[in-house]
Every structure is written in structure tokens, then in C-alpha cells.
Amino acid sequence: MKDFEQWGSFQGRLWKEEVNVRDFIQNNYTEYTGDESFLEGTTEATDKLWGKLQELFKEARAKGGVLDMDTEIVSTITSHAPGYLCEEDKTLEKIVGLQTDKPLKRAFMPFGGI
């Protein structure tokens, strides 16, 4: 068994020898009993994106619950171009790409997706 230096502060043995998430968690988990005071507030970008998403949810509800649906392309991990919540200002988004090329657009998954 190779013991990587990156593992130095972690306890336990089994997870080092095999895939054993249970062993890793049981040996390294420490319950946090504090409060939320360590959390930061939202950023301006997050607030803008959340506002945009709220508008899209409202629009989807007005259309019966589905804003848009792709019925032509079978969805795969690479079937659609990256989608953005806010096309007008893509720089607001730190994580790029939705499931489809437009926000809240439902994908066609005849095989249940992956």
C-alpha cells in the first residue's frame, strides 16, 4: 500500500487499500456544532442570477410548468451547447453550462438520461 503525503492528516486504513467511503468518513468526520456565522453573504452576481431565475420560474408557471422543451435532440452529455441563466451577461456565471442550451429547457431523454 502506498501512503501518499497528501493523506498525512487523514486517519483510517481500509480506505487507503480499497474504495471504502464508509471507512474514510468514520475515521475522519468531525461534527460541526457551530452556527452559520462563518458563511458569507451572496455576491452581486448571485443576486442578479437568482433574480433572473425567479423570472424564468414565473414564466414557466404561466406556461403550465414547462418553459421550453427540446423534442428534436436526444439528450447526451455533449448533445447541447453550454447554456446560461443570463444570456445578456454571461460573466455573472462562474459555473458554465446547463443541461441544455437554454435555461429551464427540458431535455428529451428517451432512455432516462445518465
C-alpha atoms as a PDB file:
ATOM      1  CA  MET A   1       0.000   0.000   0.000  1.00  0.00           C
ATOM      2  CA  LYS A   2       1.363   3.382  -0.998  1.00  0.00           C
ATOM      3  CA  ASP A   3       0.789   6.108   1.579  1.00  0.00           C
ATOM      4  CA  PHE A   4       0.633   9.439  -0.247  1.00  0.00           C
ATOM      5  CA  GLU A   5       1.857  12.516   1.636  1.00  0.00           C
ATOM      6  CA  GLN A   6      -1.451  14.248   0.782  1.00  0.00           C
ATOM      7  CA  TRP A   7      -3.167  11.693   3.032  1.00  0.00           C
ATOM      8  CA  GLY A   8      -0.953  12.570   6.007  1.00  0.00           C
ATOM      9  CA  SER A   9      -3.606  14.150   8.210  1.00  0.00           C
ATOM     10  CA  PHE A  10      -6.312  11.579   7.436  1.00  0.00           C
ATOM     11  CA  GLN A  11      -6.992   8.625   9.749  1.00  0.00           C
ATOM     12  CA  GLY A  12      -8.010   5.080   8.889  1.00  0.00           C
ATOM     13  CA  ARG A  13      -6.543   2.240   6.877  1.00  0.00           C
ATOM     14  CA  LEU A  14      -9.147   0.460   4.730  1.00  0.00           C
ATOM     15  CA  TRP A  15      -9.956   3.443   2.512  1.00  0.00           C
ATOM     16  CA  LYS A  16      -6.262   3.605   1.571  1.00  0.00           C
ATOM     17  CA  GLU A  17      -6.291  -0.012   0.397  1.00  0.00           C
ATOM     18  CA  GLU A  18      -9.670  -0.160  -1.349  1.00  0.00           C
ATOM     19  CA  VAL A  19     -12.590   2.061  -2.293  1.00  0.00           C
ATOM     20  CA  ASN A  20     -14.192   2.373   1.136  1.00  0.00           C
ATOM     21  CA  VAL A  21     -16.025   5.647   1.695  1.00  0.00           C
ATOM     22  CA  ARG A  22     -17.582   4.362   4.926  1.00  0.00           C
ATOM     23  CA  ASP A  23     -14.164   3.769   6.496  1.00  0.00           C
ATOM     24  CA  PHE A  24     -12.898   7.178   5.401  1.00  0.00           C
ATOM     25  CA  ILE A  25     -15.920   9.020   6.823  1.00  0.00           C
ATOM     26  CA  GLN A  26     -15.994   7.083  10.090  1.00  0.00           C
ATOM     27  CA  ASN A  27     -12.321   7.828  10.680  1.00  0.00           C
ATOM     28  CA  ASN A  28     -12.234  11.454   9.530  1.00  0.00           C
ATOM     29  CA  TYR A  29     -15.650  13.006  10.126  1.00  0.00           C
ATOM     30  CA  THR A  30     -15.958  15.697  12.798  1.00  0.00           C
ATOM     31  CA  GLU A  31     -19.414  17.008  13.579  1.00  0.00           C
ATOM     32  CA  TYR A  32     -19.798  20.763  13.211  1.00  0.00           C
ATOM     33  CA  THR A  33     -21.830  22.113  16.119  1.00  0.00           C
ATOM     34  CA  GLY A  34     -21.455  25.827  15.429  1.00  0.00           C
ATOM     35  CA  ASP A  35     -23.859  28.153  13.680  1.00  0.00           C
ATOM     36  CA  GLU A  36     -23.979  29.775  10.257  1.00  0.00           C
ATOM     37  CA  SER A  37     -21.893  32.828  11.254  1.00  0.00           C
ATOM     38  CA  PHE A  38     -18.913  31.575   9.219  1.00  0.00           C
ATOM     39  CA  LEU A  39     -20.892  31.852   5.967  1.00  0.00           C
ATOM     40  CA  GLU A  40     -20.530  34.831   3.665  1.00  0.00           C
ATOM     41  CA  GLY A  41     -23.469  36.618   2.103  1.00  0.00           C
ATOM     42  CA  THR A  42     -24.383  36.324  -1.552  1.00  0.00           C
ATOM     43  CA  THR A  43     -22.463  38.171  -4.228  1.00  0.00           C
ATOM     44  CA  GLU A  44     -23.995  40.747  -6.539  1.00  0.00           C
ATOM     45  CA  ALA A  45     -23.663  38.248  -9.406  1.00  0.00           C
ATOM     46  CA  THR A  46     -25.533  35.576  -7.424  1.00  0.00           C
ATOM     47  CA  ASP A  47     -28.319  38.016  -6.576  1.00  0.00           C
ATOM     48  CA  LYS A  48     -28.697  39.008 -10.242  1.00  0.00           C
ATOM     49  CA  LEU A  49     -28.740  35.386 -11.405  1.00  0.00           C
ATOM     50  CA  TRP A  50     -31.235  34.427  -8.696  1.00  0.00           C
ATOM     51  CA  GLY A  51     -33.492  37.296  -9.818  1.00  0.00           C
ATOM     52  CA  LYS A  52     -33.264  36.102 -13.421  1.00  0.00           C
ATOM     53  CA  LEU A  53     -34.069  32.534 -12.366  1.00  0.00           C
ATOM     54  CA  GLN A  54     -37.107  33.728 -10.393  1.00  0.00           C
ATOM     55  CA  GLU A  55     -38.381  35.472 -13.560  1.00  0.00           C
ATOM     56  CA  LEU A  56     -37.868  32.262 -15.542  1.00  0.00           C
ATOM     57  CA  PHE A  57     -39.725  30.187 -12.918  1.00  0.00           C
ATOM     58  CA  LYS A  58     -42.631  32.636 -13.077  1.00  0.00           C
ATOM     59  CA  GLU A  59     -42.669  32.426 -16.881  1.00  0.00           C
ATOM     60  CA  ALA A  60     -42.609  28.613 -16.746  1.00  0.00           C
ATOM     61  CA  ARG A  61     -45.528  28.516 -14.291  1.00  0.00           C
ATOM     62  CA  ALA A  62     -47.506  30.846 -16.572  1.00  0.00           C
ATOM     63  CA  LYS A  63     -46.956  28.347 -19.414  1.00  0.00           C
ATOM     64  CA  GLY A  64     -48.249  25.430 -17.363  1.00  0.00           C
ATOM     65  CA  GLY A  65     -44.933  24.432 -15.802  1.00  0.00           C
ATOM     66  CA  VAL A  66     -42.721  23.919 -18.861  1.00  0.00           C
ATOM     67  CA  LEU A  67     -40.904  26.910 -20.314  1.00  0.00           C
ATOM     68  CA  ASP A  68     -39.308  25.132 -23.270  1.00  0.00           C
ATOM     69  CA  MET A  69     -38.677  21.579 -24.418  1.00  0.00           C
ATOM     70  CA  ASP A  70     -36.262  20.070 -26.908  1.00  0.00           C
ATOM     71  CA  THR A  71     -38.117  17.378 -28.852  1.00  0.00           C
ATOM     72  CA  GLU A  72     -35.557  17.007 -31.640  1.00  0.00           C
ATOM     73  CA  ILE A  73     -32.242  16.184 -29.960  1.00  0.00           C
ATOM     74  CA  VAL A  74     -31.826  13.109 -27.783  1.00  0.00           C
ATOM     75  CA  SER A  75     -30.004  14.343 -24.704  1.00  0.00           C
ATOM     76  CA  THR A  76     -26.464  13.161 -24.002  1.00  0.00           C
ATOM     77  CA  ILE A  77     -23.657  14.678 -22.005  1.00  0.00           C
ATOM     78  CA  THR A  78     -22.461  16.511 -25.152  1.00  0.00           C
ATOM     79  CA  SER A  79     -25.680  16.976 -27.141  1.00  0.00           C
ATOM     80  CA  HIS A  80     -26.257  20.659 -26.348  1.00  0.00           C
ATOM     81  CA  ALA A  81     -24.080  23.743 -26.378  1.00  0.00           C
ATOM     82  CA  PRO A  82     -23.445  25.398 -22.985  1.00  0.00           C
ATOM     83  CA  GLY A  83     -26.492  27.154 -21.590  1.00  0.00           C
ATOM     84  CA  TYR A  84     -26.548  30.264 -19.426  1.00  0.00           C
ATOM     85  CA  LEU A  85     -29.126  31.627 -16.998  1.00  0.00           C
ATOM     86  CA  CYS A  86     -28.347  35.150 -18.126  1.00  0.00           C
ATOM     87  CA  GLU A  87     -27.530  35.359 -21.847  1.00  0.00           C
ATOM     88  CA  GLU A  88     -27.250  39.157 -21.552  1.00  0.00           C
ATOM     89  CA  ASP A  89     -24.291  38.944 -19.158  1.00  0.00           C
ATOM     90  CA  LYS A  90     -22.538  35.576 -19.219  1.00  0.00           C
ATOM     91  CA  THR A  91     -19.741  36.936 -16.999  1.00  0.00           C
ATOM     92  CA  LEU A  92     -22.073  36.663 -13.991  1.00  0.00           C
ATOM     93  CA  GLU A  93     -21.881  32.882 -14.154  1.00  0.00           C
ATOM     94  CA  LYS A  94     -18.985  31.063 -12.511  1.00  0.00           C
ATOM     95  CA  ILE A  95     -20.205  27.557 -13.409  1.00  0.00           C
ATOM     96  CA  VAL A  96     -20.964  27.379 -17.113  1.00  0.00           C
ATOM     97  CA  GLY A  97     -23.427  25.140 -18.867  1.00  0.00           C
ATOM     98  CA  LEU A  98     -26.875  23.903 -18.054  1.00  0.00           C
ATOM     99  CA  GLN A  99     -28.393  20.590 -19.101  1.00  0.00           C
ATOM    100  CA  THR A 100     -29.459  22.154 -22.401  1.00  0.00           C
ATOM    101  CA  ASP A 101     -28.631  25.271 -24.395  1.00  0.00           C
ATOM    102  CA  LYS A 102     -31.281  27.465 -22.730  1.00  0.00           C
ATOM    103  CA  PRO A 103     -32.363  27.967 -19.123  1.00  0.00           C
ATOM    104  CA  LEU A 104     -35.170  25.678 -17.918  1.00  0.00           C
ATOM    105  CA  LYS A 105     -35.331  23.973 -21.313  1.00  0.00           C
ATOM    106  CA  ARG A 106     -36.324  20.349 -20.802  1.00  0.00           C
ATOM    107  CA  ALA A 107     -34.182  17.741 -22.499  1.00  0.00           C
ATOM    108  CA  PHE A 108     -35.534  14.774 -24.472  1.00  0.00           C
ATOM    109  CA  MET A 109     -34.329  11.649 -22.608  1.00  0.00           C
ATOM    110  CA  PRO A 110     -35.963   8.542 -24.087  1.00  0.00           C
ATOM    111  CA  PHE A 111     -33.542   6.283 -22.210  1.00  0.00           C
ATOM    112  CA  GLY A 112     -33.874   8.011 -18.829  1.00  0.00           C
ATOM    113  CA  GLY A 113     -30.666  10.029 -19.015  1.00  0.00           C
ATOM    114  CA  ILE A 114     -27.392   9.158 -17.346  1.00  0.00           C
END
